C-alpha atoms as a PDB file:
ATOM      1  CA  MET A   1      83.653 111.026 163.295  1.00  0.00           C
ATOM      2  CA  ARG A   2      85.484 109.464 166.225  1.00  0.00           C
ATOM      3  CA  ALA A   3      89.008 110.675 166.806  1.00  0.00           C
ATOM      4  CA  ILE A   4      91.680 111.059 169.464  1.00  0.00           C
ATOM      5  CA  HIS A   5      92.684 114.575 170.485  1.00  0.00           C
ATOM      6  CA  GLN A   6      95.952 115.704 172.017  1.00  0.00           C
ATOM      7  CA  PRO A   7      94.761 118.963 173.656  1.00  0.00           C
ATOM      8  CA  GLU A   8      98.189 119.792 175.096  1.00  0.00           C
ATOM      9  CA  PHE A   9     101.628 118.252 175.150  1.00  0.00           C
ATOM     10  CA  GLY A  10     102.205 115.626 177.809  1.00  0.00           C
ATOM     11  CA  GLY A  11     101.974 111.917 178.533  1.00  0.00           C
ATOM     12  CA  PRO A  12      99.396 109.357 177.379  1.00  0.00           C
ATOM     13  CA  GLU A  13      96.913 110.649 179.947  1.00  0.00           C
ATOM     14  CA  ARG A  14      96.489 113.756 177.762  1.00  0.00           C
ATOM     15  CA  LEU A  15      94.918 111.733 174.922  1.00  0.00           C
ATOM     16  CA  THR A  16      91.181 112.390 174.749  1.00  0.00           C
ATOM     17  CA  PRO A  17      88.439 110.637 172.717  1.00  0.00           C
ATOM     18  CA  VAL A  18      86.354 113.211 170.826  1.00  0.00           C
ATOM     19  CA  ARG A  19      83.882 113.559 167.998  1.00  0.00           C
ATOM     20  CA  VAL A  20      84.899 116.015 165.283  1.00  0.00           C
ATOM     21  CA  PRO A  21      83.588 116.886 161.798  1.00  0.00           C
ATOM     22  CA  ARG A  22      84.616 114.539 159.023  1.00  0.00           C
ATOM     23  CA  PRO A  23      87.201 116.239 156.770  1.00  0.00           C
ATOM     24  CA  VAL A  24      86.477 117.105 153.136  1.00  0.00           C
ATOM     25  CA  PRO A  25      89.116 116.489 150.454  1.00  0.00           C
ATOM     26  CA  LEU A  26      90.510 119.513 148.651  1.00  0.00           C
ATOM     27  CA  PRO A  27      91.614 119.367 145.002  1.00  0.00           C
ATOM     28  CA  THR A  28      94.306 116.647 144.526  1.00  0.00           C
ATOM     29  CA  GLU A  29      93.356 115.104 147.896  1.00  0.00           C
ATOM     30  CA  VAL A  30      91.560 111.891 148.822  1.00  0.00           C
ATOM     31  CA  LEU A  31      89.314 111.078 151.779  1.00  0.00           C
ATOM     32  CA  VAL A  32      90.322 107.733 153.286  1.00  0.00           C
ATOM     33  CA  ARG A  33      88.239 105.718 155.751  1.00  0.00           C
ATOM     34  CA  VAL A  34      90.827 104.507 158.240  1.00  0.00           C
ATOM     35  CA  ILE A  35      90.552 100.841 159.147  1.00  0.00           C
ATOM     36  CA  ALA A  36      93.839 100.589 161.070  1.00  0.00           C
ATOM     37  CA  ALA A  37      96.500 103.021 162.248  1.00  0.00           C
ATOM     38  CA  GLY A  38     100.103 102.171 163.070  1.00  0.00           C
ATOM     39  CA  VAL A  39     101.797 103.366 166.254  1.00  0.00           C
ATOM     40  CA  ASN A  40     105.365 104.654 166.070  1.00  0.00           C
ATOM     41  CA  PRO A  41     107.791 105.881 168.736  1.00  0.00           C
ATOM     42  CA  CYS A  42     107.620 109.361 167.225  1.00  0.00           C
ATOM     43  CA  ASP A  43     103.897 109.426 168.073  1.00  0.00           C
ATOM     44  CA  HIS A  44     104.345 109.367 171.836  1.00  0.00           C
ATOM     45  CA  LYS A  45     107.515 111.478 171.647  1.00  0.00           C
ATOM     46  CA  THR A  46     105.667 114.136 169.646  1.00  0.00           C
ATOM     47  CA  GLY A  47     102.831 113.966 172.171  1.00  0.00           C
ATOM     48  CA  ARG A  48     105.314 114.928 174.883  1.00  0.00           C
ATOM     49  CA  GLY A  49     106.468 117.908 172.826  1.00  0.00           C
ATOM     50  CA  GLU A  50     109.606 116.183 171.507  1.00  0.00           C
ATOM     51  CA  ALA A  51     110.633 114.723 168.125  1.00  0.00           C
ATOM     52  CA  VAL A  52     108.756 116.488 165.306  1.00  0.00           C
ATOM     53  CA  ALA A  53     106.462 118.446 167.642  1.00  0.00           C
ATOM     54  CA  PRO A  54     107.545 121.834 166.200  1.00  0.00           C
ATOM     55  CA  ALA A  55     105.997 120.834 162.870  1.00  0.00           C
ATOM     56  CA  ILE A  56     102.616 119.897 164.337  1.00  0.00           C
ATOM     57  CA  GLY A  57     101.172 123.400 164.435  1.00  0.00           C
ATOM     58  CA  ALA A  58      98.385 124.555 166.708  1.00  0.00           C
ATOM     59  CA  LEU A  59      96.985 122.478 169.537  1.00  0.00           C
ATOM     60  CA  PRO A  60      94.843 120.455 169.835  1.00  0.00           C
ATOM     61  CA  PHE A  61      95.789 117.971 167.118  1.00  0.00           C
ATOM     62  CA  ILE A  62      94.849 114.419 166.136  1.00  0.00           C
ATOM     63  CA  PRO A  63      97.990 112.221 166.493  1.00  0.00           C
ATOM     64  CA  GLY A  64      99.254 109.483 164.247  1.00  0.00           C
ATOM     65  CA  TRP A  65     100.606 109.111 160.721  1.00  0.00           C
ATOM     66  CA  ASP A  66     100.426 105.465 159.590  1.00  0.00           C
ATOM     67  CA  VAL A  67      97.096 104.526 158.034  1.00  0.00           C
ATOM     68  CA  SER A  68      95.555 101.758 155.994  1.00  0.00           C
ATOM     69  CA  GLY A  69      92.020 102.039 154.723  1.00  0.00           C
ATOM     70  CA  VAL A  70      89.675 102.599 151.794  1.00  0.00           C
ATOM     71  CA  VAL A  71      89.296 105.648 149.563  1.00  0.00           C
ATOM     72  CA  GLU A  72      85.829 107.118 150.131  1.00  0.00           C
ATOM     73  CA  GLU A  73      86.022 110.247 147.994  1.00  0.00           C
ATOM     74  CA  VAL A  74      88.495 111.965 145.681  1.00  0.00           C
ATOM     75  CA  GLY A  75      89.012 115.669 145.157  1.00  0.00           C
ATOM     76  CA  PHE A  76      89.208 117.465 141.845  1.00  0.00           C
ATOM     77  CA  GLY A  77      92.205 116.473 139.739  1.00  0.00           C
ATOM     78  CA  VAL A  78      92.927 113.081 141.314  1.00  0.00           C
ATOM     79  CA  THR A  79      93.632 110.485 138.618  1.00  0.00           C
ATOM     80  CA  THR A  80      95.699 107.806 140.385  1.00  0.00           C
ATOM     81  CA  LEU A  81      93.100 106.598 142.920  1.00  0.00           C
ATOM     82  CA  ALA A  82      89.355 106.060 142.962  1.00  0.00           C
ATOM     83  CA  PRO A  83      86.658 105.399 145.571  1.00  0.00           C
ATOM     84  CA  GLY A  84      86.893 101.818 146.784  1.00  0.00           C
ATOM     85  CA  ASP A  85      90.667 101.525 146.385  1.00  0.00           C
ATOM     86  CA  GLU A  86      92.440  99.987 149.378  1.00  0.00           C
ATOM     87  CA  VAL A  87      95.397 102.198 150.236  1.00  0.00           C
ATOM     88  CA  TYR A  88      98.086 102.737 152.835  1.00  0.00           C
ATOM     89  CA  GLY A  89     100.318 105.679 153.575  1.00  0.00           C
ATOM     90  CA  MET A  90     102.064 108.108 155.900  1.00  0.00           C
ATOM     91  CA  PRO A  91     100.435 111.399 154.900  1.00  0.00           C
ATOM     92  CA  TRP A  92     101.691 114.889 155.750  1.00  0.00           C
ATOM     93  CA  PHE A  93     104.656 113.810 157.914  1.00  0.00           C
ATOM     94  CA  PRO A  94     106.016 115.647 159.883  1.00  0.00           C
ATOM     95  CA  ARG A  95     102.940 117.875 159.935  1.00  0.00           C
ATOM     96  CA  ALA A  96      99.894 116.496 161.732  1.00  0.00           C
ATOM     97  CA  ALA A  97      98.053 113.888 159.651  1.00  0.00           C
ATOM     98  CA  GLY A  98      95.280 112.867 162.036  1.00  0.00           C
ATOM     99  CA  ALA A  99      95.633 109.105 161.609  1.00  0.00           C
ATOM    100  CA  TYR A 100      93.964 108.313 164.938  1.00  0.00           C
ATOM    101  CA  ALA A 101      90.517 109.013 163.504  1.00  0.00           C
ATOM    102  CA  GLU A 102      87.890 107.348 161.356  1.00  0.00           C
ATOM    103  CA  TYR A 103      88.774 109.480 158.296  1.00  0.00           C
ATOM    104  CA  VAL A 104      91.805 111.372 156.991  1.00  0.00           C
ATOM    105  CA  THR A 105      92.384 113.611 153.997  1.00  0.00           C
ATOM    106  CA  ALA A 106      95.722 114.073 152.267  1.00  0.00           C
ATOM    107  CA  PRO A 107      97.253 114.450 148.806  1.00  0.00           C
ATOM    108  CA  SER A 108      96.536 111.357 146.754  1.00  0.00           C
ATOM    109  CA  ARG A 109     100.228 110.822 146.059  1.00  0.00           C
ATOM    110  CA  HIS A 110     100.957 110.432 149.769  1.00  0.00           C
ATOM    111  CA  PHE A 111      99.239 107.044 149.451  1.00  0.00           C
ATOM    112  CA  ALA A 112      99.712 103.861 147.436  1.00  0.00           C
ATOM    113  CA  ARG A 113      97.587 100.782 146.952  1.00  0.00           C
ATOM    114  CA  LYS A 114      98.213  98.544 149.935  1.00  0.00           C
ATOM    115  CA  PRO A 115      99.978  95.210 149.458  1.00  0.00           C
ATOM    116  CA  ARG A 116      97.501  92.646 148.129  1.00  0.00           C
ATOM    117  CA  THR A 117      98.779  89.968 150.499  1.00  0.00           C
ATOM    118  CA  ALA A 118      98.559  92.122 153.646  1.00  0.00           C
ATOM    119  CA  ASP A 119      95.437  92.846 155.650  1.00  0.00           C
ATOM    120  CA  HIS A 120      94.806  96.401 156.827  1.00  0.00           C
ATOM    121  CA  VAL A 121      96.386  95.776 160.231  1.00  0.00           C
ATOM    122  CA  HIS A 122      99.699  94.702 158.715  1.00  0.00           C
ATOM    123  CA  ALA A 123      99.524  97.368 156.017  1.00  0.00           C
ATOM    124  CA  ALA A 124      99.038 100.050 158.693  1.00  0.00           C
ATOM    125  CA  ALA A 125     102.194  98.828 160.435  1.00  0.00           C
ATOM    126  CA  LEU A 126     104.324  99.484 157.364  1.00  0.00           C
ATOM    127  CA  PRO A 127     104.418 103.048 156.032  1.00  0.00           C
ATOM    128  CA  LEU A 128     106.625 105.078 158.396  1.00  0.00           C
ATOM    129  CA  ALA A 129     108.899 102.190 159.317  1.00  0.00           C
ATOM    130  CA  ALA A 130     109.272 100.791 155.803  1.00  0.00           C
ATOM    131  CA  LEU A 131     109.704 104.218 154.216  1.00  0.00           C
ATOM    132  CA  THR A 132     112.381 105.049 156.775  1.00  0.00           C
ATOM    133  CA  ALA A 133     114.262 101.855 155.945  1.00  0.00           C
ATOM    134  CA  TRP A 134     113.846 102.404 152.195  1.00  0.00           C
ATOM    135  CA  GLN A 135     114.788 106.085 152.110  1.00  0.00           C
ATOM    136  CA  ALA A 136     117.715 105.639 154.514  1.00  0.00           C
ATOM    137  CA  LEU A 137     119.238 102.615 152.786  1.00  0.00           C
ATOM    138  CA  VAL A 138     118.251 103.106 149.138  1.00  0.00           C
ATOM    139  CA  ASP A 139     118.004 106.871 148.678  1.00  0.00           C
ATOM    140  CA  THR A 140     120.467 108.147 151.304  1.00  0.00           C
ATOM    141  CA  ALA A 141     123.126 105.448 151.780  1.00  0.00           C
ATOM    142  CA  GLU A 142     122.725 104.020 148.250  1.00  0.00           C
ATOM    143  CA  VAL A 143     123.727 100.606 149.548  1.00  0.00           C
ATOM    144  CA  GLU A 144     125.000  98.075 147.021  1.00  0.00           C
ATOM    145  CA  GLU A 145     125.599  94.366 146.902  1.00  0.00           C
ATOM    146  CA  GLY A 146     128.514  93.298 149.067  1.00  0.00           C
ATOM    147  CA  MET A 147     128.347  96.218 151.494  1.00  0.00           C
ATOM    148  CA  ARG A 148     128.379  95.548 155.227  1.00  0.00           C
ATOM    149  CA  VAL A 149     125.474  97.234 157.012  1.00  0.00           C
ATOM    150  CA  LEU A 150     124.954  97.581 160.761  1.00  0.00           C
ATOM    151  CA  VAL A 151     121.388  98.161 161.979  1.00  0.00           C
ATOM    152  CA  HIS A 152     121.108  99.352 165.574  1.00  0.00           C
ATOM    153  CA  ALA A 153     117.839  98.294 167.275  1.00  0.00           C
ATOM    154  CA  GLY A 154     117.340  95.592 164.680  1.00  0.00           C
ATOM    155  CA  ALA A 155     114.245  94.171 166.377  1.00  0.00           C
ATOM    156  CA  GLY A 156     112.290  97.423 166.350  1.00  0.00           C
ATOM    157  CA  GLY A 157     109.735  98.664 163.866  1.00  0.00           C
ATOM    158  CA  VAL A 158     112.203 100.233 161.450  1.00  0.00           C
ATOM    159  CA  GLY A 159     115.039  97.885 162.345  1.00  0.00           C
ATOM    160  CA  HIS A 160     113.460  94.569 161.406  1.00  0.00           C
ATOM    161  CA  LEU A 161     112.376  95.954 158.033  1.00  0.00           C
ATOM    162  CA  ALA A 162     115.816  97.489 157.425  1.00  0.00           C
ATOM    163  CA  VAL A 163     117.433  94.122 158.109  1.00  0.00           C
ATOM    164  CA  GLN A 164     115.253  92.482 155.463  1.00  0.00           C
ATOM    165  CA  LEU A 165     115.702  95.262 152.912  1.00  0.00           C
ATOM    166  CA  ALA A 166     119.490  95.396 153.300  1.00  0.00           C
ATOM    167  CA  LYS A 167     119.687  91.629 152.898  1.00  0.00           C
ATOM    168  CA  HIS A 168     117.479  91.789 149.790  1.00  0.00           C
ATOM    169  CA  LEU A 169     119.881  94.372 148.349  1.00  0.00           C
ATOM    170  CA  GLY A 170     122.777  91.936 148.765  1.00  0.00           C
ATOM    171  CA  CYS A 171     124.388  93.355 151.887  1.00  0.00           C
ATOM    172  CA  HIS A 172     126.025  91.545 154.790  1.00  0.00           C
ATOM    173  CA  VAL A 173     123.756  92.574 157.676  1.00  0.00           C
ATOM    174  CA  THR A 174     124.658  92.898 161.352  1.00  0.00           C
ATOM    175  CA  ALA A 175     121.964  93.809 163.874  1.00  0.00           C
ATOM    176  CA  THR A 176     122.176  94.827 167.510  1.00  0.00           C
ATOM    177  CA  ALA A 177     119.374  93.424 169.642  1.00  0.00           C
ATOM    178  CA  ARG A 178     118.744  91.514 172.843  1.00  0.00           C
ATOM    179  CA  ALA A 179     119.584  87.812 172.688  1.00  0.00           C
ATOM    180  CA  GLY A 180     115.937  86.756 172.728  1.00  0.00           C
ATOM    181  CA  ASN A 181     115.439  88.327 169.291  1.00  0.00           C
ATOM    182  CA  HIS A 182     118.518  86.862 167.594  1.00  0.00           C
ATOM    183  CA  ALA A 183     116.922  83.717 166.157  1.00  0.00           C
ATOM    184  CA  TRP A 184     114.039  85.757 164.763  1.00  0.00           C
ATOM    185  CA  LEU A 185     116.386  88.311 163.208  1.00  0.00           C
ATOM    186  CA  ARG A 186     118.482  85.600 161.595  1.00  0.00           C
ATOM    187  CA  ASP A 187     115.293  84.205 160.109  1.00  0.00           C
ATOM    188  CA  LEU A 188     114.647  87.663 158.655  1.00  0.00           C
ATOM    189  CA  GLY A 189     118.092  87.673 157.042  1.00  0.00           C
ATOM    190  CA  ALA A 190     120.588  89.032 159.572  1.00  0.00           C
ATOM    191  CA  ASP A 191     124.027  87.486 159.086  1.00  0.00           C
ATOM    192  CA  GLU A 192     125.231  88.481 162.556  1.00  0.00           C
ATOM    193  CA  CYS A 193     123.437  89.510 165.743  1.00  0.00           C
ATOM    194  CA  VAL A 194     125.101  91.221 168.682  1.00  0.00           C
ATOM    195  CA  ASP A 195     123.567  91.545 172.140  1.00  0.00           C
ATOM    196  CA  TYR A 196     124.282  95.126 173.167  1.00  0.00           C
ATOM    197  CA  THR A 197     123.616  94.243 176.834  1.00  0.00           C
ATOM    198  CA  GLU A 198     126.589  91.868 176.989  1.00  0.00           C
ATOM    199  CA  GLY A 199     129.400  94.363 176.620  1.00  0.00           C
ATOM    200  CA  PRO A 200     130.471  97.034 174.148  1.00  0.00           C
ATOM    201  CA  PHE A 201     129.169  96.213 170.670  1.00  0.00           C
ATOM    202  CA  GLU A 202     132.132  98.039 169.112  1.00  0.00           C
ATOM    203  CA  GLU A 203     134.468  95.378 170.484  1.00  0.00           C
ATOM    204  CA  ARG A 204     132.630  92.671 168.537  1.00  0.00           C
ATOM    205  CA  ILE A 205     131.765  94.456 165.288  1.00  0.00           C
ATOM    206  CA  GLY A 206     134.018  95.918 162.609  1.00  0.00           C
ATOM    207  CA  GLY A 207     134.462  96.530 158.896  1.00  0.00           C
ATOM    208  CA  ILE A 208     131.078  98.244 158.514  1.00  0.00           C
ATOM    209  CA  ASP A 209     130.317 100.365 155.447  1.00  0.00           C
ATOM    210  CA  VAL A 210     126.993 101.835 156.610  1.00  0.00           C
ATOM    211  CA  VAL A 211     125.660 102.278 160.143  1.00  0.00           C
ATOM    212  CA  LEU A 212     121.898 102.773 160.345  1.00  0.00           C
ATOM    213  CA  ASP A 213     121.494 104.183 163.851  1.00  0.00           C
ATOM    214  CA  LEU A 214     117.957 103.911 165.213  1.00  0.00           C
ATOM    215  CA  VAL A 215     119.081 104.543 168.812  1.00  0.00           C
ATOM    216  CA  GLY A 216     121.312 107.607 169.015  1.00  0.00           C
ATOM    217  CA  ASP A 217     123.531 108.981 171.737  1.00  0.00           C
ATOM    218  CA  ASP A 218     120.706 109.285 174.260  1.00  0.00           C
ATOM    219  CA  HIS A 219     121.201 105.595 175.041  1.00  0.00           C
ATOM    220  CA  ALA A 220     124.729 104.693 176.157  1.00  0.00           C
ATOM    221  CA  GLU A 221     126.306 106.910 173.483  1.00  0.00           C
ATOM    222  CA  THR A 222     125.386 104.374 170.814  1.00  0.00           C
ATOM    223  CA  GLY A 223     125.982 106.893 168.040  1.00  0.00           C
ATOM    224  CA  SER A 224     129.422 108.047 169.154  1.00  0.00           C
ATOM    225  CA  ARG A 225     130.588 104.488 169.772  1.00  0.00           C
ATOM    226  CA  SER A 226     129.541 103.512 166.246  1.00  0.00           C
ATOM    227  CA  MET A 227     132.515 105.457 164.931  1.00  0.00           C
ATOM    228  CA  ALA A 228     134.762 102.571 165.998  1.00  0.00           C
ATOM    229  CA  VAL A 229     133.039 100.031 163.734  1.00  0.00           C
ATOM    230  CA  LEU A 230     133.144 101.936 160.434  1.00  0.00           C
ATOM    231  CA  GLU A 231     135.541 101.253 157.592  1.00  0.00           C
ATOM    232  CA  PRO A 232     137.468 104.275 156.268  1.00  0.00           C
ATOM    233  CA  GLY A 233     135.053 106.306 154.169  1.00  0.00           C
ATOM    234  CA  GLY A 234     132.038 104.581 155.746  1.00  0.00           C
ATOM    235  CA  LEU A 235     128.716 106.324 156.288  1.00  0.00           C
ATOM    236  CA  TYR A 236     126.811 106.963 159.516  1.00  0.00           C
ATOM    237  CA  VAL A 237     123.061 107.585 159.081  1.00  0.00           C
ATOM    238  CA  ALA A 238     121.360 108.960 162.193  1.00  0.00           C
ATOM    239  CA  VAL A 239     117.655 108.209 162.081  1.00  0.00           C
ATOM    240  CA  ALA A 240     117.083 108.853 165.765  1.00  0.00           C
ATOM    241  CA  SER A 241     115.843 112.353 166.567  1.00  0.00           C
ATOM    242  CA  SER A 242     118.740 112.750 169.019  1.00  0.00           C
ATOM    243  CA  ALA A 243     121.506 113.342 166.448  1.00  0.00           C
ATOM    244  CA  PRO A 244     123.165 116.577 167.604  1.00  0.00           C
ATOM    245  CA  HIS A 245     125.363 118.537 165.238  1.00  0.00           C
ATOM    246  CA  HIS A 246     128.520 117.796 167.223  1.00  0.00           C
ATOM    247  CA  LEU A 247     127.953 114.042 166.818  1.00  0.00           C
ATOM    248  CA  LEU A 248     127.766 114.283 163.034  1.00  0.00           C
ATOM    249  CA  ALA A 249     130.687 116.713 162.989  1.00  0.00           C
ATOM    250  CA  GLY A 250     132.778 114.205 164.964  1.00  0.00           C
ATOM    251  CA  PHE A 251     132.276 111.556 162.269  1.00  0.00           C
ATOM    252  CA  ARG A 252     133.149 113.977 159.494  1.00  0.00           C
ATOM    253  CA  GLU A 253     136.279 115.206 161.252  1.00  0.00           C
ATOM    254  CA  ARG A 254     137.539 111.612 161.231  1.00  0.00           C
ATOM    255  CA  GLY A 255     136.921 111.125 157.533  1.00  0.00           C
ATOM    256  CA  PHE A 256     133.553 109.358 157.655  1.00  0.00           C
ATOM    257  CA  GLY A 257     130.338 110.339 155.965  1.00  0.00           C
ATOM    258  CA  ALA A 258     127.566 111.328 158.373  1.00  0.00           C
ATOM    259  CA  THR A 259     124.037 112.581 157.935  1.00  0.00           C
ATOM    260  CA  SER A 260     120.854 112.997 159.905  1.00  0.00           C
ATOM    261  CA  PHE A 261     117.670 111.672 158.343  1.00  0.00           C
ATOM    262  CA  LEU A 262     113.928 112.264 158.515  1.00  0.00           C
ATOM    263  CA  VAL A 263     111.434 110.237 156.536  1.00  0.00           C
ATOM    264  CA  GLU A 264     109.127 111.888 153.975  1.00  0.00           C
ATOM    265  CA  PRO A 265     105.785 110.882 152.425  1.00  0.00           C
ATOM    266  CA  ASP A 266     106.470 108.962 149.221  1.00  0.00           C
ATOM    267  CA  GLY A 267     103.703 107.146 147.378  1.00  0.00           C
ATOM    268  CA  VAL A 268     106.078 105.852 144.703  1.00  0.00           C
ATOM    269  CA  ALA A 269     108.343 104.185 147.266  1.00  0.00           C
ATOM    270  CA  LEU A 270     105.277 102.743 149.004  1.00  0.00           C
ATOM    271  CA  GLY A 271     104.380 101.119 145.698  1.00  0.00           C
ATOM    272  CA  HIS A 272     107.824  99.481 145.543  1.00  0.00           C
ATOM    273  CA  ILE A 273     107.472  98.374 149.173  1.00  0.00           C
ATOM    274  CA  ALA A 274     104.072  96.824 148.447  1.00  0.00           C
ATOM    275  CA  THR A 275     105.671  94.810 145.644  1.00  0.00           C
ATOM    276  CA  LEU A 276     108.352  93.547 148.031  1.00  0.00           C
ATOM    277  CA  VAL A 277     105.696  92.536 150.556  1.00  0.00           C
ATOM    278  CA  ASP A 278     103.629  90.725 147.930  1.00  0.00           C
ATOM    279  CA  SER A 279     106.718  88.897 146.651  1.00  0.00           C
ATOM    280  CA  GLY A 280     107.623  87.705 150.150  1.00  0.00           C
ATOM    281  CA  VAL A 281     110.793  89.809 150.476  1.00  0.00           C
ATOM    282  CA  LEU A 282     109.434  91.951 153.314  1.00  0.00           C
ATOM    283  CA  ARG A 283     107.220  90.943 156.193  1.00  0.00           C
ATOM    284  CA  VAL A 284     106.173  93.178 159.036  1.00  0.00           C
ATOM    285  CA  GLU A 285     105.904  91.939 162.614  1.00  0.00           C
ATOM    286  CA  VAL A 286     102.792  93.127 164.469  1.00  0.00           C
ATOM    287  CA  ALA A 287     103.348  92.795 168.201  1.00  0.00           C
ATOM    288  CA  ASP A 288      99.796  93.680 169.246  1.00  0.00           C
ATOM    289  CA  VAL A 289      96.535  95.150 167.957  1.00  0.00           C
ATOM    290  CA  LEU A 290      94.527  97.427 170.256  1.00  0.00           C
ATOM    291  CA  PRO A 291      91.228  99.287 169.798  1.00  0.00           C
ATOM    292  CA  LEU A 292      91.483 103.017 169.118  1.00  0.00           C
ATOM    293  CA  ALA A 293      90.138 103.750 172.603  1.00  0.00           C
ATOM    294  CA  ASP A 294      93.216 102.047 174.121  1.00  0.00           C
ATOM    295  CA  VAL A 295      95.711 104.356 172.416  1.00  0.00           C
ATOM    296  CA  ALA A 296      97.152 105.410 175.790  1.00  0.00           C
ATOM    297  CA  ASP A 297      98.100 101.785 176.500  1.00  0.00           C
ATOM    298  CA  ALA A 298      99.766 101.611 173.091  1.00  0.00           C
ATOM    299  CA  TYR A 299     101.788 104.743 173.898  1.00  0.00           C
ATOM    300  CA  ARG A 300     102.938 103.281 177.214  1.00  0.00           C
ATOM    301  CA  ALA A 301     104.002 100.036 175.557  1.00  0.00           C
ATOM    302  CA  SER A 302     105.844 101.885 172.791  1.00  0.00           C
ATOM    303  CA  ALA A 303     107.615 104.146 175.271  1.00  0.00           C
ATOM    304  CA  GLY A 304     108.872 101.055 177.114  1.00  0.00           C
ATOM    305  CA  GLY A 305     111.185 100.343 174.189  1.00  0.00           C
ATOM    306  CA  ARG A 306     110.697  96.570 174.180  1.00  0.00           C
ATOM    307  CA  VAL A 307     108.163  96.185 171.361  1.00  0.00           C
ATOM    308  CA  ARG A 308     109.244  93.660 168.734  1.00  0.00           C
ATOM    309  CA  GLY A 309     108.037  95.059 165.448  1.00  0.00           C
ATOM    310  CA  LYS A 310     104.980  97.313 165.504  1.00  0.00           C
ATOM    311  CA  LEU A 311     101.825  98.142 167.465  1.00  0.00           C
ATOM    312  CA  VAL A 312      98.606  98.840 165.566  1.00  0.00           C
ATOM    313  CA  LEU A 313      95.281 100.456 166.484  1.00  0.00           C
ATOM    314  CA  ARG A 314      92.067  99.025 165.069  1.00  0.00           C
ATOM    315  CA  VAL A 315      89.973 102.058 164.074  1.00  0.00           C
ATOM    316  CA  SER A 316      87.068 100.661 162.012  1.00  0.00           C
ATOM    317  CA  PRO A 317      85.697  97.164 161.353  1.00  0.00           C
END
């Protein structure tokens, strides 16, 4: 099968097209023919040896986690999926999943049936970003109706889905983003939008119950400055990989809740997300679709930090 190899850690120039044997599903696993693969910031960061790189294992590896495709074969014991089912998922994260290839194998319960109303390109854009929003807001922060939620980087892949999910859950939603994305974010459900380039956001935001930080202290100390916007007893959720212990400790010392967060495979949650997509509650923005061979260009665009929504690779027809 066709695949993309990362033979050693480094920039996009290290990505190499290869042909490798098609994987075979073990018991409880499924073989999925990948039609589209989503691109996430953690992909290019991991390729450089950052983010979740320690979990990857031996080099070389096939990058990527987000997939949407069709079940080709099921291993012994699988009862929830069958050949021909259209599925989407984020298998194995943070271990290597091999999404940038024509086929992947993974436990059947790392997948769910893709949203009926979404094509494979849009379904492939969802898993990591939507699961991050779901697990951070629903499972970790346990947000409730009437809460005030701040989403940093509201126009990004996770951010624009978190805005919609928080609004659906009855929250008052504030998003930080450049001015050019404000009208779009309001259409998605944001109650307030703040341009972080036009002065300190903490001088214009306050009374927040939950901060969902998708930026971190690596950029203008966004995390540390978020302390000023929280209500007493509020919660800071650091999704960015750059959430050092001292940052979280600083929140706790001042009486706030604070936690780091890393998304996990979750087929059950993906089923709930598919329902929200099919009911019109969630919609994913696809900024561009590139062929698998142009994965290096996708990495460069993602690393630029100005992608609205998600990038997707077309793997198979």
